[in-house]
Amino acid sequence: MSFVRSFLCGRFCLASRAAARRSLLLCQRAAGASAALPGLPLLGGARRRLLTLSGLSPAARCAAAGWGAAAAAGAGPCATRRRGCGGLGTAGGGFRPSRVAVVVKTTRYEFEQQRYRYAGLSEEDLKQLLALKGSNYAGLLERHRIHTKNVEHIVDSLRNEKIEVRLVKRREYNEDTVRWADAVISAGGDGTMLLAASKVFDKFKPVIGVNTDPERSEGHLCLPVRYTHSFPEALQKLYCGEFRWQWRQRIRLYLEGTGINPTPVDLHEQQLSQEQHSRAHINERFQDQRSDISGPHLLPVRALNEVFIGESLSSRASYYEISVDDGPWEKQKSSGLNVCTGTGSKAWSYNINKVAHQAVEEILNIAKKHGSVNMPLNTELVQKVTSDYNESLLYSPEEPKMFFSIREPIVNRVFSSSRQRGFSSKVCVRSRCWDACMVVDGGTSFEFNDGAIASIAIDTEDALCTVLLEE
């Protein structure tokens, strides 16, 4: 019977594909713009531009795909699929990859091992050295074991579903691995997710984050924590279409001007000091034959969180000119410029711009002295004002707009800052710096010194395909 069910399910899925295509426009209206998205990959990485119906109820999904009410009631392909029907994902948004690349983070324990590898230290020597630095060897080893166990759980879950898996570390992760895979899973935290996303330029290749150490890692960009220990459940939801595609917008960068160097330096890989960072850029410049390019050059990276521009030495003021949305150029000095996406609005940008409870309370007290506030000030009001302002700094990862922030602007008779922060669709920056860099997602750095011009914008074709599962 199980064989017959599987056979009929496969035949039903194939037969319903044409019906599903005919009903796409109806599905879009029913599911809404946020759920009916521009495309999804199916088995084997085939780029079938179908719209997901995962925002619909099971009944609506089955009806839209042409399966009728019987399927919604528990008889038919939808029900069979939930019992593990093999073959293609459902036309209603199911996704079943055949090849998955799992990108694994380097734990602090592994980093310390690699750091002193050439010194020939024994494990006991490493333990004593970490103790001298105030680090807990036993704690690092325990976190490493927890991470490793959760990675094994992910890989075993995939292989149990007959999915081919390629496990890669940071150094091994490259464009060839991305091309091979139907989907990319990051096994780590938000930093690993940013790394995994950095190599993916195909809008229809999903990148899914799994937090492998939830107690020590926030994991904003990862699946809900419960799936760390129950990854098979997440896979079943993917197969059945019980999820929503989320298209996270990303920033693209153009670099032009004199003496530019479009070759990036990987900060994660090299763990550079400020002096080493400058030297690495100089070395890359001499190795790269394109360093004399003056026209606009599209850089080989997309920012999922943010782009930061500033002097490498944090105590030195950054000097530049800025134009927002093709407006007039303005000379500025500050501690640097941050431009983020909706995804990044919860990260560094939020911490740059958020106000503290204490600051709001003091401002309201001053306003009250001037007679501008007639209501009694209490803790509840201050907390409400603080919360409302800070929440206004956040916006959807799917919105195709950027939020720029000038860090600690210097304002005097020479330099101004007409807008310290705000939303924009385009930001252009002309460097007047001595030893500056443009850093993408905290991991990739480009030299950005006097004469270089950066154009920062969002193109919806650069969106990253990710997955949303309910808690």
Protein backbone atom coordinates (compact mmCIF):
# COMPACT_ATOMS: atom_id res chain seq x y z
CA MET A 1 0.00 0.00 0.00
CA SER A 2 2.77 2.42 0.86
CA PHE A 3 4.30 1.81 -2.60
CA VAL A 4 0.96 2.53 -4.28
CA ARG A 5 0.48 5.70 -2.25
CA SER A 6 3.97 6.90 -3.17
CA PHE A 7 3.39 6.11 -6.86
CA LEU A 8 0.02 7.89 -6.94
CA CYS A 9 1.45 10.86 -5.04
CA GLY A 10 4.23 11.28 -7.60
CA ARG A 11 1.79 11.01 -10.49
CA PHE A 12 -0.58 13.46 -8.81
CA CYS A 13 2.24 16.00 -8.28
CA LEU A 14 3.21 15.83 -11.96
CA ALA A 15 -0.36 16.10 -13.18
CA SER A 16 -1.10 19.07 -10.95
CA ARG A 17 1.89 21.13 -12.07
CA ALA A 18 0.06 22.65 -15.06
CA ALA A 19 -2.96 23.40 -12.89
CA ALA A 20 -0.73 25.05 -10.36
CA ARG A 21 0.76 27.31 -13.01
CA ARG A 22 -2.71 28.35 -14.20
CA SER A 23 -3.70 29.27 -10.68
CA LEU A 24 -0.66 31.35 -9.79
CA LEU A 25 -2.33 34.72 -10.13
CA LEU A 26 -5.24 33.58 -7.97
CA CYS A 27 -2.78 32.24 -5.41
CA GLN A 28 -0.94 35.55 -5.32
CA ARG A 29 -4.13 37.39 -4.49
CA ALA A 30 -5.08 34.85 -1.84
CA ALA A 31 -1.70 34.59 -0.16
CA GLY A 32 -0.79 38.27 -0.35
CA ALA A 33 2.37 39.85 -1.65
CA SER A 34 4.43 38.76 1.36
CA ALA A 35 3.66 35.07 0.92
CA ALA A 36 3.42 34.80 -2.88
CA LEU A 37 7.03 35.33 -3.83
CA PRO A 38 8.81 35.41 -7.18
CA GLY A 39 10.23 31.90 -7.28
CA LEU A 40 11.64 28.86 -5.58
CA PRO A 41 13.99 26.02 -6.49
CA LEU A 42 12.74 22.44 -6.74
CA LEU A 43 14.35 19.01 -6.75
CA GLY A 44 17.85 18.81 -8.18
CA GLY A 45 18.30 22.58 -8.19
CA ALA A 46 16.08 23.09 -11.27
CA ARG A 47 15.25 26.77 -11.44
CA ARG A 48 11.49 26.53 -11.85
CA ARG A 49 10.04 30.01 -11.40
CA LEU A 50 6.97 28.98 -9.40
CA LEU A 51 5.35 31.12 -6.74
CA THR A 52 5.11 29.63 -3.27
CA LEU A 53 1.67 29.10 -1.81
CA SER A 54 2.98 28.43 1.67
CA GLY A 55 1.20 31.45 3.08
CA LEU A 56 -2.15 29.76 2.38
CA SER A 57 -3.99 27.35 4.64
CA PRO A 58 -3.67 23.63 3.74
CA ALA A 59 -7.16 23.69 2.25
CA ALA A 60 -6.48 26.75 0.11
CA ARG A 61 -3.11 25.34 -0.95
CA CYS A 62 -4.66 22.08 -2.13
CA ALA A 63 -7.55 23.84 -3.84
CA ALA A 64 -5.23 26.25 -5.66
CA ALA A 65 -3.07 23.34 -6.85
CA GLY A 66 -6.16 21.58 -8.21
CA TRP A 67 -6.40 18.84 -5.55
CA GLY A 68 -9.78 19.87 -4.16
CA ALA A 69 -11.34 19.62 -0.74
CA ALA A 70 -10.67 15.90 -0.35
CA ALA A 71 -6.95 16.53 -0.11
CA ALA A 72 -7.49 19.21 2.51
CA ALA A 73 -9.60 16.79 4.53
CA GLY A 74 -6.77 14.30 4.73
CA ALA A 75 -7.17 12.15 1.63
CA GLY A 76 -5.01 12.84 -1.39
CA PRO A 77 -1.54 14.16 -2.17
CA CYS A 78 -1.30 16.70 0.65
CA ALA A 79 -1.97 14.09 3.30
CA THR A 80 0.27 11.54 1.60
CA ARG A 81 3.10 14.08 1.39
CA ARG A 82 2.93 14.69 5.14
CA ARG A 83 3.36 10.96 5.67
CA GLY A 84 6.68 11.10 3.81
CA CYS A 85 5.68 10.72 0.17
CA GLY A 86 8.87 10.73 -1.92
CA GLY A 87 9.60 12.52 -5.14
CA LEU A 88 9.15 16.16 -5.99
CA GLY A 89 8.16 18.82 -3.53
CA THR A 90 4.52 19.81 -3.79
CA ALA A 91 3.50 22.39 -6.36
CA GLY A 92 2.16 24.35 -3.40
CA GLY A 93 5.63 25.41 -2.29
CA GLY A 94 7.35 22.25 -1.00
CA PHE A 95 11.12 22.14 -1.32
CA ARG A 96 13.30 19.02 -1.33
CA PRO A 97 16.93 19.56 -2.32
CA SER A 98 19.08 16.66 -3.49
CA ARG A 99 22.44 18.27 -2.64
CA VAL A 100 23.18 20.50 0.33
CA ALA A 101 26.36 22.30 1.36
CA VAL A 102 26.70 22.69 5.14
CA VAL A 103 29.01 25.59 6.06
CA VAL A 104 30.41 25.06 9.55
CA LYS A 105 31.76 27.79 11.80
CA THR A 106 35.20 27.69 13.38
CA THR A 107 34.71 27.49 17.13
CA ARG A 108 36.86 29.49 19.54
CA TYR A 109 38.52 26.24 20.63
CA GLU A 110 39.46 25.42 17.01
CA PHE A 111 40.65 28.97 16.44
CA GLU A 112 43.00 28.83 19.42
CA GLN A 113 44.30 25.44 18.27
CA GLN A 114 45.02 26.78 14.77
CA ARG A 115 46.51 29.96 16.15
CA TYR A 116 49.28 28.12 18.01
CA ARG A 117 49.54 25.11 15.71
CA TYR A 118 52.92 26.13 14.28
CA ALA A 119 54.36 26.57 17.76
CA GLY A 120 53.93 22.84 18.32
CA LEU A 121 51.97 23.27 21.56
CA SER A 122 50.51 20.20 23.20
CA GLU A 123 46.93 20.20 24.47
CA GLU A 124 48.23 20.75 27.99
CA ASP A 125 50.39 23.68 26.80
CA LEU A 126 47.35 25.20 25.13
CA LYS A 127 45.33 24.78 28.31
CA GLN A 128 47.98 26.62 30.36
CA LEU A 129 48.36 29.39 27.76
CA LEU A 130 44.59 30.02 27.70
CA ALA A 131 44.58 30.14 31.51
CA LEU A 132 47.28 32.84 31.42
CA LYS A 133 45.02 34.89 29.11
CA GLY A 134 42.06 34.44 31.44
CA SER A 135 40.22 32.05 29.12
CA ASN A 136 38.46 28.92 30.34
CA TYR A 137 39.86 25.92 28.44
CA ALA A 138 37.18 23.55 29.76
CA GLY A 139 34.43 26.00 28.81
CA LEU A 140 35.77 26.43 25.27
CA LEU A 141 36.06 22.68 24.82
CA GLU A 142 32.49 22.15 26.07
CA ARG A 143 31.05 24.75 23.66
CA HIS A 144 33.03 23.10 20.85
CA ARG A 145 31.53 19.71 21.70
CA ILE A 146 28.00 21.11 21.80
CA HIS A 147 28.50 22.75 18.39
CA THR A 148 30.01 19.56 16.93
CA LYS A 149 27.14 17.42 18.23
CA ASN A 150 24.54 19.74 16.67
CA VAL A 151 26.40 19.77 13.35
CA GLU A 152 26.40 15.96 13.34
CA HIS A 153 22.65 16.04 14.02
CA ILE A 154 22.08 18.28 10.98
CA VAL A 155 24.25 16.17 8.68
CA ASP A 156 22.74 12.87 9.86
CA SER A 157 19.22 14.26 9.39
CA LEU A 158 20.01 15.23 5.79
CA ARG A 159 21.67 11.92 4.95
CA ASN A 160 18.79 9.96 6.47
CA GLU A 161 16.62 11.69 3.85
CA LYS A 162 19.03 10.50 1.09
CA ILE A 163 20.29 14.04 0.57
CA GLU A 164 23.90 14.34 -0.58
CA VAL A 165 25.86 16.50 1.87
CA ARG A 166 29.10 18.41 1.49
CA LEU A 167 30.49 19.61 4.84
CA VAL A 168 32.81 22.61 4.45
CA LYS A 169 34.77 24.87 6.77
CA ARG A 170 35.34 28.57 6.17
CA ARG A 171 38.53 28.07 4.16
CA GLU A 172 36.96 25.41 1.94
CA TYR A 173 33.79 27.37 1.17
CA ASN A 174 33.90 28.82 -2.34
CA GLU A 175 31.85 29.48 -5.47
CA ASP A 176 32.29 25.91 -6.72
CA THR A 177 30.65 24.58 -3.56
CA VAL A 178 27.74 26.99 -4.01
CA ARG A 179 27.25 25.96 -7.65
CA TRP A 180 27.24 22.29 -6.65
CA ALA A 181 24.56 22.70 -3.99
CA ASP A 182 20.80 23.08 -4.34
CA ALA A 183 20.74 24.81 -0.96
CA VAL A 184 23.26 26.08 1.57
CA ILE A 185 22.91 25.53 5.31
CA SER A 186 25.00 27.57 7.72
CA ALA A 187 25.80 25.69 10.94
CA GLY A 188 26.88 28.25 13.52
CA GLY A 189 25.50 31.67 14.40
CA ASP A 190 24.77 34.92 12.58
CA GLY A 191 28.42 35.31 11.56
CA THR A 192 28.38 31.93 9.83
CA MET A 193 25.11 32.87 8.11
CA LEU A 194 26.72 36.05 6.78
CA LEU A 195 29.66 34.00 5.51
CA ALA A 196 27.38 31.47 3.82
CA ALA A 197 25.36 34.23 2.16
CA SER A 198 28.46 36.09 0.92
CA LYS A 199 29.17 33.50 -1.80
CA VAL A 200 25.59 33.11 -3.03
CA PHE A 201 24.59 35.30 -5.97
CA ASP A 202 21.75 33.13 -7.29
CA LYS A 203 18.48 34.68 -6.16
CA PHE A 204 16.77 31.28 -6.22
CA LYS A 205 19.27 29.32 -4.12
CA PRO A 206 18.09 29.13 -0.49
CA VAL A 207 20.44 29.81 2.40
CA ILE A 208 19.20 28.44 5.73
CA GLY A 209 20.80 29.21 9.09
CA VAL A 210 20.87 26.78 12.02
CA ASN A 211 22.13 28.01 15.39
CA THR A 212 24.46 25.30 16.71
CA ASP A 213 25.05 26.92 20.11
CA PRO A 214 21.84 28.72 21.11
CA GLU A 215 23.00 29.37 24.68
CA ARG A 216 25.92 31.51 23.52
CA SER A 217 24.76 32.80 20.13
CA GLU A 218 21.79 35.06 19.40
CA GLY A 219 21.03 33.67 15.94
CA HIS A 220 18.73 36.39 14.57
CA LEU A 221 19.32 35.08 11.05
CA CYS A 222 18.83 31.41 11.94
CA LEU A 223 15.82 29.12 12.26
CA PRO A 224 14.02 29.15 15.62
CA VAL A 225 16.09 27.46 18.33
CA ARG A 226 13.79 24.43 18.65
CA TYR A 227 14.93 23.19 15.21
CA THR A 228 18.55 23.00 16.34
CA HIS A 229 17.66 19.80 18.22
CA SER A 230 14.81 18.67 15.95
CA PHE A 231 16.13 19.33 12.46
CA PRO A 232 14.14 16.44 10.89
CA GLU A 233 10.99 18.39 11.80
CA ALA A 234 12.31 21.40 9.90
CA LEU A 235 12.99 19.20 6.87
CA GLN A 236 9.45 17.84 6.94
CA LYS A 237 8.06 21.37 6.99
CA LEU A 238 10.19 22.21 3.96
CA TYR A 239 8.93 19.14 2.09
CA CYS A 240 5.29 19.96 2.86
CA GLY A 241 5.53 23.66 2.06
CA GLU A 242 4.79 24.66 5.66
CA PHE A 243 7.07 27.68 5.53
CA ARG A 244 7.48 31.01 3.78
CA TRP A 245 10.27 32.17 1.53
CA GLN A 246 11.81 35.40 2.76
CA TRP A 247 13.74 37.49 0.28
CA ARG A 248 16.27 39.49 2.27
CA GLN A 249 17.42 42.54 0.34
CA ARG A 250 21.15 43.11 -0.03
CA ILE A 251 23.38 46.06 -0.86
CA ARG A 252 25.59 46.19 -3.94
CA LEU A 253 28.67 48.40 -4.21
CA TYR A 254 30.38 50.18 -7.08
CA LEU A 255 33.90 51.55 -6.69
CA GLU A 256 35.54 54.12 -8.95
CA GLY A 257 38.14 56.89 -8.83
CA THR A 258 41.92 57.07 -8.64
CA GLY A 259 44.16 54.36 -7.25
CA ILE A 260 41.30 52.07 -6.26
CA ASN A 261 41.79 48.41 -5.40
CA PRO A 262 38.71 46.24 -6.02
CA THR A 263 40.35 43.14 -4.51
CA PRO A 264 38.87 42.26 -1.10
CA VAL A 265 40.69 41.22 2.07
CA ASP A 266 39.01 38.49 4.14
CA LEU A 267 39.11 39.75 7.73
CA HIS A 268 37.73 36.52 9.21
CA GLU A 269 40.45 34.46 7.62
CA GLN A 270 43.36 36.68 8.51
CA GLN A 271 42.31 38.05 11.93
CA LEU A 272 44.41 41.13 11.19
CA SER A 273 45.76 43.83 13.43
CA GLN A 274 45.41 47.40 12.17
CA GLU A 275 48.99 47.41 10.85
CA GLN A 276 48.59 43.99 9.20
CA HIS A 277 45.26 45.08 7.71
CA SER A 278 46.92 48.04 5.94
CA ARG A 279 49.79 45.85 4.74
CA ALA A 280 47.38 43.26 3.34
CA HIS A 281 45.63 45.93 1.26
CA ILE A 282 48.99 47.13 -0.10
CA ASN A 283 49.99 43.58 -1.03
CA GLU A 284 46.67 42.95 -2.76
CA ARG A 285 47.04 46.17 -4.71
CA PHE A 286 50.37 45.12 -6.21
CA GLN A 287 49.10 41.61 -6.97
CA ASP A 288 45.94 42.83 -8.67
CA GLN A 289 46.41 44.00 -12.25
CA ARG A 290 43.13 45.97 -12.17
CA SER A 291 44.25 48.45 -9.51
CA ASP A 292 44.36 51.36 -11.97
CA ILE A 293 40.67 51.04 -12.89
CA SER A 294 38.97 54.42 -12.78
CA GLY A 295 35.48 53.59 -14.05
CA PRO A 296 32.67 52.16 -11.89
CA HIS A 297 33.52 48.61 -10.87
CA LEU A 298 30.89 46.32 -9.35
CA LEU A 299 32.50 44.71 -6.32
CA PRO A 300 32.28 40.90 -5.97
CA VAL A 301 30.27 40.95 -2.74
CA ARG A 302 26.77 41.82 -1.48
CA ALA A 303 26.03 43.18 1.99
CA LEU A 304 23.30 41.35 3.89
CA ASN A 305 23.70 43.40 7.09
CA GLU A 306 25.64 46.59 6.46
CA VAL A 307 28.50 48.49 4.86
CA PHE A 308 30.83 50.52 7.07
CA ILE A 309 33.21 53.21 5.80
CA GLY A 310 35.84 54.75 8.05
CA GLU A 311 39.49 55.08 9.02
CA SER A 312 41.17 51.83 10.07
CA LEU A 313 42.46 53.55 13.22
CA SER A 314 39.29 54.14 15.23
CA SER A 315 40.69 57.16 17.11
CA ARG A 316 41.22 59.06 13.83
CA ALA A 317 38.31 61.05 12.37
CA SER A 318 37.08 59.92 8.97
CA TYR A 319 37.01 62.70 6.35
CA TYR A 320 34.76 62.25 3.31
CA GLU A 321 32.06 63.82 1.15
CA ILE A 322 28.59 62.30 0.98
CA SER A 323 25.59 62.57 -1.33
CA VAL A 324 22.26 60.98 -0.42
CA ASP A 325 19.75 60.12 -3.18
CA ASP A 326 21.70 62.17 -5.76
CA GLY A 327 21.49 65.26 -3.54
CA PRO A 328 24.25 67.85 -3.07
CA TRP A 329 27.66 66.73 -1.80
CA GLU A 330 28.42 67.56 1.82
CA LYS A 331 31.84 67.50 3.50
CA GLN A 332 31.81 65.58 6.76
CA LYS A 333 34.08 64.41 9.53
CA SER A 334 32.86 61.67 11.83
CA SER A 335 33.69 58.30 13.34
CA GLY A 336 32.50 56.66 10.14
CA LEU A 337 29.43 55.91 8.07
CA ASN A 338 27.14 52.87 8.40
CA VAL A 339 24.64 51.91 5.67
CA CYS A 340 22.39 48.95 6.48
CA THR A 341 19.58 46.82 5.06
CA GLY A 342 16.36 45.82 6.82
CA THR A 343 18.20 42.71 8.01
CA GLY A 344 21.01 44.87 9.40
CA SER A 345 18.62 47.31 11.06
CA LYS A 346 18.55 44.91 14.02
CA ALA A 347 22.34 44.71 14.21
CA TRP A 348 25.09 47.36 14.38
CA SER A 349 22.88 50.14 13.01
CA TYR A 350 20.39 49.62 15.83
CA ASN A 351 23.09 49.90 18.48
CA ILE A 352 24.50 53.05 16.85
CA ASN A 353 21.17 54.85 16.90
CA LYS A 354 19.17 53.49 19.83
CA VAL A 355 18.54 55.79 22.80
CA ALA A 356 18.88 54.79 26.42
CA HIS A 357 16.14 55.02 29.02
CA GLN A 358 18.25 57.53 30.97
CA ALA A 359 18.68 59.89 27.98
CA VAL A 360 14.94 59.94 27.24
CA GLU A 361 14.12 60.65 30.88
CA GLU A 362 16.54 63.59 31.00
CA ILE A 363 15.21 65.06 27.74
CA LEU A 364 11.60 64.81 28.93
CA ASN A 365 12.54 66.50 32.20
CA ILE A 366 14.13 69.39 30.29
CA ALA A 367 11.04 69.66 28.07
CA LYS A 368 8.86 69.72 31.18
CA LYS A 369 10.89 72.62 32.65
CA HIS A 370 10.21 74.60 29.50
CA GLY A 371 6.49 73.90 29.79
CA SER A 372 6.40 71.68 26.70
CA VAL A 373 5.29 68.57 28.61
CA ASN A 374 2.19 68.90 30.77
CA MET A 375 1.72 65.25 31.70
CA PRO A 376 3.31 63.63 34.76
CA LEU A 377 6.56 61.82 34.01
CA ASN A 378 6.83 58.27 35.26
CA THR A 379 8.83 55.17 34.47
CA GLU A 380 6.08 53.72 32.28
CA LEU A 381 5.96 56.80 30.02
CA VAL A 382 9.74 56.97 29.68
CA GLN A 383 9.93 53.28 28.80
CA LYS A 384 7.13 53.67 26.23
CA VAL A 385 8.82 56.63 24.51
CA THR A 386 12.17 54.85 24.55
CA SER A 387 10.69 51.66 23.11
CA ASP A 388 8.70 53.47 20.40
CA TYR A 389 11.75 55.40 19.21
CA ASN A 390 14.03 52.37 19.15
CA GLU A 391 11.45 50.27 17.33
CA SER A 392 11.18 52.98 14.66
CA LEU A 393 14.79 52.16 13.70
CA LEU A 394 13.78 48.65 12.56
CA TYR A 395 12.20 47.67 9.26
CA SER A 396 11.49 44.55 7.21
CA PRO A 397 14.41 42.66 5.62
CA GLU A 398 12.34 42.49 2.43
CA GLU A 399 11.99 46.26 1.98
CA PRO A 400 14.26 47.50 -0.85
CA LYS A 401 15.63 50.51 0.99
CA MET A 402 18.68 51.38 3.09
CA PHE A 403 19.20 53.21 6.38
CA PHE A 404 22.34 55.32 6.74
CA SER A 405 23.90 56.51 10.00
CA ILE A 406 26.68 59.04 10.57
CA ARG A 407 28.57 58.04 13.70
CA GLU A 408 29.44 60.94 16.00
CA PRO A 409 29.49 63.70 13.35
CA ILE A 410 31.76 66.71 13.91
CA VAL A 411 29.78 69.90 13.37
CA ASN A 412 31.48 73.31 13.23
CA ARG A 413 31.84 76.23 10.80
CA VAL A 414 33.76 74.01 8.34
CA PHE A 415 31.97 70.67 8.57
CA SER A 416 28.25 69.99 8.76
CA SER A 417 25.83 67.09 9.07
CA SER A 418 22.42 68.11 7.75
CA ARG A 419 21.09 64.55 8.21
CA GLN A 420 22.67 62.28 10.77
CA ARG A 421 20.50 59.30 9.84
CA GLY A 422 17.64 58.37 7.54
CA PHE A 423 16.26 56.08 4.86
CA SER A 424 17.63 56.27 1.33
CA SER A 425 17.76 54.42 -1.96
CA LYS A 426 21.28 55.52 -2.90
CA VAL A 427 24.34 56.80 -1.03
CA CYS A 428 27.55 58.01 -2.69
CA VAL A 429 30.74 58.63 -0.71
CA ARG A 430 33.98 60.26 -1.89
CA SER A 431 36.92 59.45 0.36
CA ARG A 432 39.30 62.05 1.73
CA CYS A 433 40.80 59.56 4.17
CA TRP A 434 44.41 58.45 4.68
CA ASP A 435 44.06 54.83 5.70
CA ALA A 436 40.40 53.94 5.42
CA CYS A 437 38.48 50.85 4.48
CA MET A 438 35.01 49.87 3.36
CA VAL A 439 33.91 46.78 5.30
CA VAL A 440 31.04 44.55 4.20
CA ASP A 441 29.23 42.58 6.91
CA GLY A 442 32.24 42.81 9.20
CA GLY A 443 34.12 40.22 7.16
CA THR A 444 35.25 41.63 3.81
CA SER A 445 37.34 44.80 3.53
CA PHE A 446 38.18 47.06 0.59
CA GLU A 447 40.74 49.86 0.61
CA PHE A 448 38.97 53.23 0.49
CA ASN A 449 41.40 56.13 0.49
CA ASP A 450 41.59 59.65 -0.96
CA GLY A 451 40.15 59.76 -4.49
CA ALA A 452 38.00 56.64 -4.25
CA ILE A 453 34.24 56.95 -4.77
CA ALA A 454 31.71 54.36 -3.61
CA SER A 455 28.13 54.11 -4.86
CA ILE A 456 25.90 52.15 -2.48
CA ALA A 457 22.44 50.94 -3.53
CA ILE A 458 19.98 48.05 -3.43
CA ASP A 459 19.02 46.00 -6.48
CA THR A 460 16.17 43.54 -5.90
CA GLU A 461 17.95 41.02 -8.13
CA ASP A 462 20.53 40.64 -5.34
CA ALA A 463 17.94 39.47 -2.79
CA LEU A 464 18.91 36.43 -0.71
CA CYS A 465 16.42 33.55 -0.57
CA THR A 466 15.90 32.41 3.04
CA VAL A 467 13.28 30.41 4.93
CA LEU A 468 10.84 31.40 7.67
CA LEU A 469 9.46 28.66 9.94
CA GLU A 470 7.07 29.25 12.79
CA GLU A 471 8.28 28.88 16.39
